PDB file of N, CA and C in Angstrom:
ATOM      1  N   ILE A   1     -99.404 104.671  94.838  1.00  0.00           N
ATOM      2  CA  ILE A   1     -99.774 103.612  93.897  1.00  0.00           C
ATOM      3  C   ILE A   1     -99.325 103.990  92.482  1.00  0.00           C
ATOM      4  N   ALA A   2     -99.431 105.261  92.145  1.00  0.00           N
ATOM      5  CA  ALA A   2     -99.015 105.691  90.799  1.00  0.00           C
ATOM      6  C   ALA A   2     -97.523 105.453  90.594  1.00  0.00           C
ATOM      7  N   LEU A   3     -96.728 105.692  91.619  1.00  0.00           N
ATOM      8  CA  LEU A   3     -95.290 105.443  91.521  1.00  0.00           C
ATOM      9  C   LEU A   3     -95.014 103.956  91.333  1.00  0.00           C
ATOM     10  N   TYR A   4     -95.744 103.119  92.033  1.00  0.00           N
ATOM     11  CA  TYR A   4     -95.603 101.665  91.906  1.00  0.00           C
ATOM     12  C   TYR A   4     -95.913 101.223  90.477  1.00  0.00           C
ATOM     13  N   VAL A   5     -97.017 101.718  89.925  1.00  0.00           N
ATOM     14  CA  VAL A   5     -97.397 101.373  88.550  1.00  0.00           C
ATOM     15  C   VAL A   5     -96.338 101.868  87.569  1.00  0.00           C
ATOM     16  N   TRP A   6     -95.843 103.081  87.769  1.00  0.00           N
ATOM     17  CA  TRP A   6     -94.824 103.638  86.881  1.00  0.00           C
ATOM     18  C   TRP A   6     -93.548 102.804  86.925  1.00  0.00           C
ATOM     19  N   VAL A   7     -93.136 102.396  88.116  1.00  0.00           N
ATOM     20  CA  VAL A   7     -91.909 101.596  88.257  1.00  0.00           C
ATOM     21  C   VAL A   7     -92.056 100.264  87.533  1.00  0.00           C
ATOM     22  N   TYR A   8     -93.193  99.596  87.694  1.00  0.00           N
ATOM     23  CA  TYR A   8     -93.354  98.290  87.051  1.00  0.00           C
ATOM     24  C   TYR A   8     -93.598  98.403  85.552  1.00  0.00           C
ATOM     25  N   LEU A   9     -94.188  99.491  85.131  1.00  0.00           N
ATOM     26  CA  LEU A   9     -94.326  99.721  83.693  1.00  0.00           C
ATOM     27  C   LEU A   9     -92.957  99.975  83.063  1.00  0.00           C
ATOM     28  N   SER A  10     -92.132 100.781  83.715  1.00  0.00           N
ATOM     29  CA  SER A  10     -90.786 101.039  83.174  1.00  0.00           C
ATOM     30  C   SER A  10     -89.923  99.783  83.233  1.00  0.00           C
ATOM     31  N   ARG A  11     -90.097  98.966  84.267  1.00  0.00           N
ATOM     32  CA  ARG A  11     -89.366  97.698  84.333  1.00  0.00           C
ATOM     33  C   ARG A  11     -89.794  96.770  83.197  1.00  0.00           C
ATOM     34  N   PHE A  12     -91.096  96.724  82.923  1.00  0.00           N
ATOM     35  CA  PHE A  12     -91.616  95.901  81.826  1.00  0.00           C
ATOM     36  C   PHE A  12     -91.012  96.341  80.492  1.00  0.00           C
ATOM     37  N   ILE A  13     -90.985  97.645  80.257  1.00  0.00           N
ATOM     38  CA  ILE A  13     -90.446  98.168  78.996  1.00  0.00           C
ATOM     39  C   ILE A  13     -88.955  97.865  78.869  1.00  0.00           C
ATOM     40  N   SER A  14     -88.206  98.057  79.950  1.00  0.00           N
ATOM     41  CA  SER A  14     -86.763  97.805  79.861  1.00  0.00           C
ATOM     42  C   SER A  14     -86.462  96.321  79.646  1.00  0.00           C
ATOM     43  N   ILE A  15     -87.208  95.450  80.278  1.00  0.00           N
ATOM     44  CA  ILE A  15     -86.991  94.012  80.077  1.00  0.00           C
ATOM     45  C   ILE A  15     -87.469  93.597  78.696  1.00  0.00           C
ATOM     46  N   ALA A  16     -88.570  94.188  78.224  1.00  0.00           N
ATOM     47  CA  ALA A  16     -89.057  93.866  76.875  1.00  0.00           C
ATOM     48  C   ALA A  16     -88.047  94.282  75.812  1.00  0.00           C
ATOM     49  N   LEU A  17     -87.363  95.388  76.027  1.00  0.00           N
ATOM     50  CA  LEU A  17     -86.342  95.817  75.075  1.00  0.00           C
ATOM     51  C   LEU A  17     -85.129  94.890  75.087  1.00  0.00           C
ATOM     52  N   CYS A  18     -84.815  94.337  76.242  1.00  0.00           N
ATOM     53  CA  CYS A  18     -83.660  93.431  76.362  1.00  0.00           C
ATOM     54  C   CYS A  18     -84.003  91.984  76.044  1.00  0.00           C
ATOM     55  N   TYR A  19     -85.284  91.643  75.997  1.00  0.00           N
ATOM     56  CA  TYR A  19     -85.710  90.254  75.804  1.00  0.00           C
ATOM     57  C   TYR A  19     -85.197  89.632  74.505  1.00  0.00           C
ATOM     58  N   PRO A  20     -85.266  90.320  73.369  1.00  0.00           N
ATOM     59  CA  PRO A  20     -84.712  89.706  72.144  1.00  0.00           C
ATOM     60  C   PRO A  20     -83.217  89.395  72.255  1.00  0.00           C
ATOM     61  N   VAL A  21     -82.479  90.265  72.919  1.00  0.00           N
ATOM     62  CA  VAL A  21     -81.048  90.012  73.105  1.00  0.00           C
ATOM     63  C   VAL A  21     -80.844  88.792  74.006  1.00  0.00           C
ATOM     64  N   LEU A  22     -81.622  88.692  75.071  1.00  0.00           N
ATOM     65  CA  LEU A  22     -81.527  87.531  75.948  1.00  0.00           C
ATOM     66  C   LEU A  22     -81.847  86.243  75.202  1.00  0.00           C
ATOM     67  N   CYS A  23     -82.874  86.276  74.363  1.00  0.00           N
ATOM     68  CA  CYS A  23     -83.231  85.092  73.577  1.00  0.00           C
ATOM     69  C   CYS A  23     -82.113  84.730  72.608  1.00  0.00           C
ATOM     70  N   PHE A  24     -81.540  85.724  71.954  1.00  0.00           N
ATOM     71  CA  PHE A  24     -80.464  85.466  71.000  1.00  0.00           C
ATOM     72  C   PHE A  24     -79.250  84.861  71.692  1.00  0.00           C
ATOM     73  N   VAL A  25     -78.856  85.435  72.812  1.00  0.00           N
ATOM     74  CA  VAL A  25     -77.683  84.953  73.532  1.00  0.00           C
ATOM     75  C   VAL A  25     -77.927  83.548  74.092  1.00  0.00           C
ATOM     76  N   SER A  26     -79.128  83.296  74.583  1.00  0.00           N
ATOM     77  CA  SER A  26     -79.407  81.987  75.172  1.00  0.00           C
ATOM     78  C   SER A  26     -79.523  80.894  74.115  1.00  0.00           C
ATOM     79  N   ASN A  27     -79.808  81.255  72.869  1.00  0.00           N
ATOM     80  CA  ASN A  27     -79.958  80.257  71.810  1.00  0.00           C
ATOM     81  C   ASN A  27     -78.695  80.057  70.991  1.00  0.00           C
ATOM     82  N   LYS A  28     -77.589  80.666  71.410  1.00  0.00           N
ATOM     83  CA  LYS A  28     -76.337  80.476  70.676  1.00  0.00           C
ATOM     84  C   LYS A  28     -75.931  79.010  70.717  1.00  0.00           C
ATOM     85  N   LYS A  29     -75.173  78.625  69.743  1.00  0.00           N
ATOM     86  CA  LYS A  29     -74.736  77.239  69.636  1.00  0.00           C
ATOM     87  C   LYS A  29     -73.950  76.820  70.884  1.00  0.00           C
ATOM     88  N   GLY A  30     -74.299  75.660  71.404  1.00  0.00           N
ATOM     89  CA  GLY A  30     -73.602  75.141  72.570  1.00  0.00           C
ATOM     90  C   GLY A  30     -74.258  75.495  73.889  1.00  0.00           C
ATOM     91  N   ARG A  31     -75.325  76.245  73.858  1.00  0.00           N
ATOM     92  CA  ARG A  31     -76.021  76.600  75.096  1.00  0.00           C
ATOM     93  C   ARG A  31     -77.350  75.873  75.134  1.00  0.00           C
ATOM     94  N   ASP A  32     -77.693  75.356  76.295  1.00  0.00           N
ATOM     95  CA  ASP A  32     -78.960  74.653  76.426  1.00  0.00           C
ATOM     96  C   ASP A  32     -79.981  75.444  77.238  1.00  0.00           C
ATOM     97  N   LEU A  33     -79.646  76.667  77.602  1.00  0.00           N
ATOM     98  CA  LEU A  33     -80.568  77.512  78.346  1.00  0.00           C
ATOM     99  C   LEU A  33     -81.472  78.250  77.360  1.00  0.00           C
ATOM    100  N   LEU A  34     -82.754  78.122  77.555  1.00  0.00           N
ATOM    101  CA  LEU A  34     -83.709  78.810  76.698  1.00  0.00           C
ATOM    102  C   LEU A  34     -84.472  79.824  77.536  1.00  0.00           C
ATOM    103  N   VAL A  35     -84.418  81.068  77.136  1.00  0.00           N
ATOM    104  CA  VAL A  35     -85.153  82.114  77.841  1.00  0.00           C
ATOM    105  C   VAL A  35     -86.514  82.243  77.173  1.00  0.00           C
ATOM    106  N   ASP A  36     -87.528  81.687  77.819  1.00  0.00           N
ATOM    107  CA  ASP A  36     -88.868  81.746  77.253  1.00  0.00           C
ATOM    108  C   ASP A  36     -89.684  82.831  77.963  1.00  0.00           C
ATOM    109  N   PHE A  37     -90.957  82.892  77.660  1.00  0.00           N
ATOM    110  CA  PHE A  37     -91.814  83.942  78.208  1.00  0.00           C
ATOM    111  C   PHE A  37     -91.972  83.799  79.719  1.00  0.00           C
ATOM    112  N   GLN A  38     -91.860  82.584  80.237  1.00  0.00           N
ATOM    113  CA  GLN A  38     -91.928  82.365  81.688  1.00  0.00           C
ATOM    114  C   GLN A  38     -90.792  83.109  82.400  1.00  0.00           C
ATOM    115  N   TYR A  39     -89.600  83.052  81.815  1.00  0.00           N
ATOM    116  CA  TYR A  39     -88.472  83.797  82.369  1.00  0.00           C
ATOM    117  C   TYR A  39     -88.716  85.308  82.285  1.00  0.00           C
ATOM    118  N   PHE A  40     -89.309  85.734  81.193  1.00  0.00           N
ATOM    119  CA  PHE A  40     -89.627  87.153  81.035  1.00  0.00           C
ATOM    120  C   PHE A  40     -90.541  87.626  82.164  1.00  0.00           C
ATOM    121  N   LEU A  41     -91.583  86.842  82.441  1.00  0.00           N
ATOM    122  CA  LEU A  41     -92.491  87.195  83.537  1.00  0.00           C
ATOM    123  C   LEU A  41     -91.776  87.193  84.884  1.00  0.00           C
ATOM    124  N   ALA A  42     -90.886  86.222  85.071  1.00  0.00           N
ATOM    125  CA  ALA A  42     -90.148  86.166  86.334  1.00  0.00           C
ATOM    126  C   ALA A  42     -89.227  87.375  86.485  1.00  0.00           C
ATOM    127  N   PHE A  43     -88.550  87.753  85.414  1.00  0.00           N
ATOM    128  CA  PHE A  43     -87.687  88.940  85.467  1.00  0.00           C
ATOM    129  C   PHE A  43     -88.500  90.174  85.825  1.00  0.00           C
ATOM    130  N   TRP A  44     -89.676  90.279  85.225  1.00  0.00           N
ATOM    131  CA  TRP A  44     -90.494  91.471  85.415  1.00  0.00           C
ATOM    132  C   TRP A  44     -91.160  91.493  86.791  1.00  0.00           C
ATOM    133  N   TRP A  45     -91.881  90.454  87.140  1.00  0.00           N
ATOM    134  CA  TRP A  45     -92.719  90.461  88.332  1.00  0.00           C
ATOM    135  C   TRP A  45     -91.961  90.108  89.608  1.00  0.00           C
ATOM    136  N   CYS A  46     -90.994  89.233  89.501  1.00  0.00           N
ATOM    137  CA  CYS A  46     -90.325  88.704  90.692  1.00  0.00           C
ATOM    138  C   CYS A  46     -88.912  89.241  90.855  1.00  0.00           C
ATOM    139  N   GLY A  47     -88.621  90.359  90.277  1.00  0.00           N
ATOM    140  CA  GLY A  47     -87.272  90.903  90.319  1.00  0.00           C
ATOM    141  C   GLY A  47     -86.820  91.289  91.713  1.00  0.00           C
ATOM    142  N   VAL A  48     -85.665  91.886  91.813  1.00  0.00           N
ATOM    143  CA  VAL A  48     -85.082  92.287  93.089  1.00  0.00           C
ATOM    144  C   VAL A  48     -86.036  93.247  93.792  1.00  0.00           C
ATOM    145  N   ARG A  49     -86.147  93.093  95.076  1.00  0.00           N
ATOM    146  CA  ARG A  49     -87.145  93.829  95.845  1.00  0.00           C
ATOM    147  C   ARG A  49     -86.655  95.117  96.483  1.00  0.00           C
ATOM    148  N   GLY A  50     -85.755  95.827  95.900  1.00  0.00           N
ATOM    149  CA  GLY A  50     -85.465  97.184  96.322  1.00  0.00           C
ATOM    150  C   GLY A  50     -84.359  97.383  97.326  1.00  0.00           C
ATOM    151  N   ILE A  51     -83.458  96.421  97.502  1.00  0.00           N
ATOM    152  CA  ILE A  51     -82.380  96.619  98.460  1.00  0.00           C
ATOM    153  C   ILE A  51     -81.443  97.733  98.002  1.00  0.00           C
ATOM    154  N   VAL A  52     -81.232  97.835  96.709  1.00  0.00           N
ATOM    155  CA  VAL A  52     -80.375  98.911  96.199  1.00  0.00           C
ATOM    156  C   VAL A  52     -81.070 100.257  96.391  1.00  0.00           C
ATOM    157  N   ALA A  53     -82.356 100.304  96.091  1.00  0.00           N
ATOM    158  CA  ALA A  53     -83.103 101.552  96.266  1.00  0.00           C
ATOM    159  C   ALA A  53     -83.130 101.979  97.731  1.00  0.00           C
ATOM    160  N   LEU A  54     -83.331 101.038  98.635  1.00  0.00           N
ATOM    161  CA  LEU A  54     -83.318 101.374 100.060  1.00  0.00           C
ATOM    162  C   LEU A  54     -81.945 101.867 100.508  1.00  0.00           C
ATOM    163  N   SER A  55     -80.912 101.224 100.028  1.00  0.00           N
ATOM    164  CA  SER A  55     -79.557 101.653 100.389  1.00  0.00           C
ATOM    165  C   SER A  55     -79.281 103.067  99.905  1.00  0.00           C
ATOM    166  N   LEU A  56     -79.653 103.347  98.670  1.00  0.00           N
ATOM    167  CA  LEU A  56     -79.443 104.695  98.130  1.00  0.00           C
ATOM    168  C   LEU A  56     -80.296 105.727  98.862  1.00  0.00           C
ATOM    169  N   ALA A  57     -81.516 105.357  99.232  1.00  0.00           N
ATOM    170  CA  ALA A  57     -82.378 106.290  99.960  1.00  0.00           C
ATOM    171  C   ALA A  57     -81.796 106.619 101.334  1.00  0.00           C
ATOM    172  N   VAL A  58     -81.223 105.624 101.999  1.00  0.00           N
ATOM    173  CA  VAL A  58     -80.592 105.864 103.302  1.00  0.00           C
ATOM    174  C   VAL A  58     -79.389 106.790 103.134  1.00  0.00           C
ATOM    175  N   ILE A  59     -78.607 106.566 102.099  1.00  0.00           N
ATOM    176  CA  ILE A  59     -77.439 107.425 101.849  1.00  0.00           C
ATOM    177  C   ILE A  59     -77.877 108.859 101.579  1.00  0.00           C
ATOM    178  N   VAL A  60     -78.906 109.029 100.745  1.00  0.00           N
ATOM    179  CA  VAL A  60     -79.406 110.378 100.445  1.00  0.00           C
ATOM    180  C   VAL A  60     -79.927 111.038 101.706  1.00  0.00           C
ATOM    181  N   GLN A  61     -80.666 110.280 102.494  1.00  0.00           N
ATOM    182  CA  GLN A  61     -81.204 110.853 103.719  1.00  0.00           C
ATOM    183  C   GLN A  61     -80.091 111.262 104.683  1.00  0.00           C
ATOM    184  N   GLN A  62     -79.065 110.430 104.823  1.00  0.00           N
ATOM    185  CA  GLN A  62     -77.956 110.769 105.719  1.00  0.00           C
ATOM    186  C   GLN A  62     -77.169 111.970 105.213  1.00  0.00           C
ATOM    187  N   ARG A  63     -76.985 112.055 103.908  1.00  0.00           N
ATOM    188  CA  ARG A  63     -76.249 113.206 103.346  1.00  0.00           C
ATOM    189  C   ARG A  63     -77.020 114.502 103.544  1.00  0.00           C
ATOM    190  N   LEU A  64     -78.345 114.418 103.454  1.00  0.00           N
ATOM    191  CA  LEU A  64     -79.148 115.625 103.567  1.00  0.00           C
ATOM    192  C   LEU A  64     -79.503 115.969 105.011  1.00  0.00           C
ATOM    193  N   GLU A  65     -79.185 115.079 105.967  1.00  0.00           N
ATOM    194  CA  GLU A  65     -79.441 115.391 107.374  1.00  0.00           C
ATOM    195  C   GLU A  65     -78.598 116.562 107.852  1.00  0.00           C
ATOM    196  N   VAL A  66     -77.463 116.755 107.222  1.00  0.00           N
ATOM    197  CA  VAL A  66     -76.577 117.854 107.605  1.00  0.00           C
ATOM    198  C   VAL A  66     -77.233 119.195 107.294  1.00  0.00           C
ATOM    199  N   GLU A  67     -77.973 119.211 106.198  1.00  0.00           N
ATOM    200  CA  GLU A  67     -78.626 120.451 105.771  1.00  0.00           C
ATOM    201  C   GLU A  67     -79.869 120.718 106.633  1.00  0.00           C
ATOM    202  N   GLU A  68     -80.356 121.915 106.544  1.00  0.00           N
ATOM    203  CA  GLU A  68     -81.546 122.307 107.292  1.00  0.00           C
ATOM    204  C   GLU A  68     -82.637 122.738 106.324  1.00  0.00           C
ATOM    205  N   GLY A  69     -83.841 122.790 106.790  1.00  0.00           N
ATOM    206  CA  GLY A  69     -84.943 123.340 106.014  1.00  0.00           C
ATOM    207  C   GLY A  69     -85.514 122.388 104.983  1.00  0.00           C
ATOM    208  N   ASP A  70     -85.758 122.918 103.772  1.00  0.00           N
ATOM    209  CA  ASP A  70     -86.436 122.166 102.719  1.00  0.00           C
ATOM    210  C   ASP A  70     -85.652 120.952 102.250  1.00  0.00           C
ATOM    211  N   ILE A  71     -84.341 121.056 102.204  1.00  0.00           N
ATOM    212  CA  ILE A  71     -83.525 119.927 101.728  1.00  0.00           C
ATOM    213  C   ILE A  71     -83.672 118.755 102.685  1.00  0.00           C
ATOM    214  N   TYR A  72     -83.707 119.013 103.975  1.00  0.00           N
ATOM    215  CA  TYR A  72     -83.885 117.944 104.960  1.00  0.00           C
ATOM    216  C   TYR A  72     -85.227 117.246 104.748  1.00  0.00           C
ATOM    217  N   LYS A  73     -86.266 118.028 104.487  1.00  0.00           N
ATOM    218  CA  LYS A  73     -87.597 117.453 104.252  1.00  0.00           C
ATOM    219  C   LYS A  73     -87.619 116.626 102.971  1.00  0.00           C
ATOM    220  N   LYS A  74     -86.883 117.060 101.952  1.00  0.00           N
ATOM    221  CA  LYS A  74     -86.824 116.308 100.703  1.00  0.00           C
ATOM    222  C   LYS A  74     -86.130 114.967 100.906  1.00  0.00           C
ATOM    223  N   GLY A  75     -85.083 114.923 101.722  1.00  0.00           N
ATOM    224  CA  GLY A  75     -84.403 113.670 102.024  1.00  0.00           C
ATOM    225  C   GLY A  75     -85.332 112.688 102.707  1.00  0.00           C
ATOM    226  N   ASN A  76     -86.126 113.187 103.640  1.00  0.00           N
ATOM    227  CA  ASN A  76     -87.103 112.329 104.313  1.00  0.00           C
ATOM    228  C   ASN A  76     -88.200 111.887 103.358  1.00  0.00           C
ATOM    229  N   ALA A  77     -88.602 112.763 102.458  1.00  0.00           N
ATOM    230  CA  ALA A  77     -89.644 112.406 101.487  1.00  0.00           C
ATOM    231  C   ALA A  77     -89.150 111.314 100.545  1.00  0.00           C
ATOM    232  N   ILE A  78     -87.915 111.423 100.091  1.00  0.00           N
ATOM    233  CA  ILE A  78     -87.345 110.392  99.218  1.00  0.00           C
ATOM    234  C   ILE A  78     -87.299 109.059  99.947  1.00  0.00           C
ATOM    235  N   PHE A  79     -86.834 109.064 101.186  1.00  0.00           N
ATOM    236  CA  PHE A  79     -86.750 107.842 101.969  1.00  0.00           C
ATOM    237  C   PHE A  79     -88.136 107.225 102.182  1.00  0.00           C
ATOM    238  N   THR A  80     -89.127 108.056 102.472  1.00  0.00           N
ATOM    239  CA  THR A  80     -90.488 107.570 102.690  1.00  0.00           C
ATOM    240  C   THR A  80     -91.072 106.971 101.414  1.00  0.00           C
ATOM    241  N   LEU A  81     -90.869 107.641 100.281  1.00  0.00           N
ATOM    242  CA  LEU A  81     -91.368 107.110  99.011  1.00  0.00           C
ATOM    243  C   LEU A  81     -90.726 105.770  98.663  1.00  0.00           C
ATOM    244  N   VAL A  82     -89.433 105.665  98.849  1.00  0.00           N
ATOM    245  CA  VAL A  82     -88.732 104.414  98.532  1.00  0.00           C
ATOM    246  C   VAL A  82     -89.198 103.296  99.459  1.00  0.00           C
ATOM    247  N   CYS A  83     -89.326 103.583 100.740  1.00  0.00           N
ATOM    248  CA  CYS A  83     -89.800 102.560 101.674  1.00  0.00           C
ATOM    249  C   CYS A  83     -91.218 102.114 101.335  1.00  0.00           C
ATOM    250  N   GLY A  84     -92.078 103.043 100.979  1.00  0.00           N
ATOM    251  CA  GLY A  84     -93.437 102.687 100.581  1.00  0.00           C
ATOM    252  C   GLY A  84     -93.463 101.846  99.318  1.00  0.00           C
ATOM    253  N   LEU A  85     -92.625 102.195  98.373  1.00  0.00           N
ATOM    254  CA  LEU A  85     -92.556 101.435  97.122  1.00  0.00           C
ATOM    255  C   LEU A  85     -92.050 100.018  97.362  1.00  0.00           C
ATOM    256  N   VAL A  86     -91.034  99.871  98.188  1.00  0.00           N
ATOM    257  CA  VAL A  86     -90.509  98.540  98.500  1.00  0.00           C
ATOM    258  C   VAL A  86     -91.552  97.731  99.271  1.00  0.00           C
ATOM    259  N   LEU A  87     -92.263  98.361 100.184  1.00  0.00           N
ATOM    260  CA  LEU A  87     -93.301  97.668 100.936  1.00  0.00           C
ATOM    261  C   LEU A  87     -94.434  97.200 100.020  1.00  0.00           C
ATOM    262  N   LEU A  88     -94.878  98.078  99.121  1.00  0.00           N
ATOM    263  CA  LEU A  88     -95.905  97.663  98.148  1.00  0.00           C
ATOM    264  C   LEU A  88     -95.406  96.525  97.277  1.00  0.00           C
ATOM    265  N   SER A  89     -94.173  96.598  96.873  1.00  0.00           N
ATOM    266  CA  SER A  89     -93.586  95.551  96.046  1.00  0.00           C
ATOM    267  C   SER A  89     -93.569  94.219  96.789  1.00  0.00           C
ATOM    268  N   LEU A  90     -93.186  94.256  98.049  1.00  0.00           N
ATOM    269  CA  LEU A  90     -93.171  93.019  98.838  1.00  0.00           C
ATOM    270  C   LEU A  90     -94.570  92.464  99.043  1.00  0.00           C
ATOM    271  N   LEU A  91     -95.515  93.331  99.347  1.00  0.00           N
ATOM    272  CA  LEU A  91     -96.875  92.868  99.620  1.00  0.00           C
ATOM    273  C   LEU A  91     -97.583  92.367  98.365  1.00  0.00           C
ATOM    274  N   ILE A  92     -97.517  93.140  97.295  1.00  0.00           N
ATOM    275  CA  ILE A  92     -98.242  92.774  96.076  1.00  0.00           C
ATOM    276  C   ILE A  92     -97.501  91.696  95.298  1.00  0.00           C
ATOM    277  N   ASN A  93     -96.267  91.956  94.970  1.00  0.00           N
ATOM    278  CA  ASN A  93     -95.517  91.016  94.132  1.00  0.00           C
ATOM    279  C   ASN A  93     -95.105  89.771  94.900  1.00  0.00           C
ATOM    280  N   GLY A  94     -94.744  89.950  96.156  1.00  0.00           N
ATOM    281  CA  GLY A  94     -94.330  88.802  96.952  1.00  0.00           C
ATOM    282  C   GLY A  94     -95.442  87.787  97.158  1.00  0.00           C
ATOM    283  N   THR A  95     -96.651  88.265  97.341  1.00  0.00           N
ATOM    284  CA  THR A  95     -97.768  87.342  97.572  1.00  0.00           C
ATOM    285  C   THR A  95     -98.326  86.750  96.282  1.00  0.00           C
ATOM    286  N   THR A  96     -98.077  87.374  95.152  1.00  0.00           N
ATOM    287  CA  THR A  96     -98.629  86.870  93.892  1.00  0.00           C
ATOM    288  C   THR A  96     -97.586  86.229  92.981  1.00  0.00           C
ATOM    289  N   SER A  97     -96.357  86.126  93.433  1.00  0.00           N
ATOM    290  CA  SER A  97     -95.292  85.567  92.587  1.00  0.00           C
ATOM    291  C   SER A  97     -95.560  84.120  92.189  1.00  0.00           C
ATOM    292  N   SER A  98     -96.063  83.323  93.117  1.00  0.00           N
ATOM    293  CA  SER A  98     -96.329  81.920  92.783  1.00  0.00           C
ATOM    294  C   SER A  98     -97.406  81.805  91.712  1.00  0.00           C
ATOM    295  N   PHE A  99     -98.408  82.663  91.751  1.00  0.00           N
ATOM    296  CA  PHE A  99     -99.461  82.660  90.736  1.00  0.00           C
ATOM    297  C   PHE A  99     -98.885  83.025  89.366  1.00  0.00           C
ATOM    298  N   VAL A 100     -98.030  84.026  89.328  1.00  0.00           N
ATOM    299  CA  VAL A 100     -97.428  84.464  88.061  1.00  0.00           C
ATOM    300  C   VAL A 100     -96.519  83.369  87.504  1.00  0.00           C
ATOM    301  N   MET A 101     -95.779  82.696  88.367  1.00  0.00           N
ATOM    302  CA  MET A 101     -94.848  81.668  87.912  1.00  0.00           C
ATOM    303  C   MET A 101     -95.557  80.412  87.401  1.00  0.00           C
ATOM    304  N   LYS A 102     -96.785  80.164  87.863  1.00  0.00           N
ATOM    305  CA  LYS A 102     -97.526  78.986  87.403  1.00  0.00           C
ATOM    306  C   LYS A 102     -98.076  79.158  85.999  1.00  0.00           C
ATOM    307  N   LYS A 103     -98.231  80.383  85.533  1.00  0.00           N
ATOM    308  CA  LYS A 103     -98.798  80.644  84.197  1.00  0.00           C
ATOM    309  C   LYS A 103     -97.847  80.276  83.126  1.00  0.00           C
TER     310      LYS A 103
END
């Protein structure tokens, strides 16, 4: 759970840092797209659900399968942590996305 909170806190901070730039770019002359706070919440809460992280975890696990001992266990630990994080993300964020989008 701590990893899940850390990931979403870091995602919030990174999107908050980019939000002024997104607002500036979207409000340029000739554009009718407005990035409001609703979009900010959608970027933060409803973002991509970890396909890149899962892919990288599988690659790390396969690369470390060749090795023996502690490195092999670390590859499995990374894969397990990533899978757990993606599962929590799907369960928590996936079920509450409609509530967040209505606000």
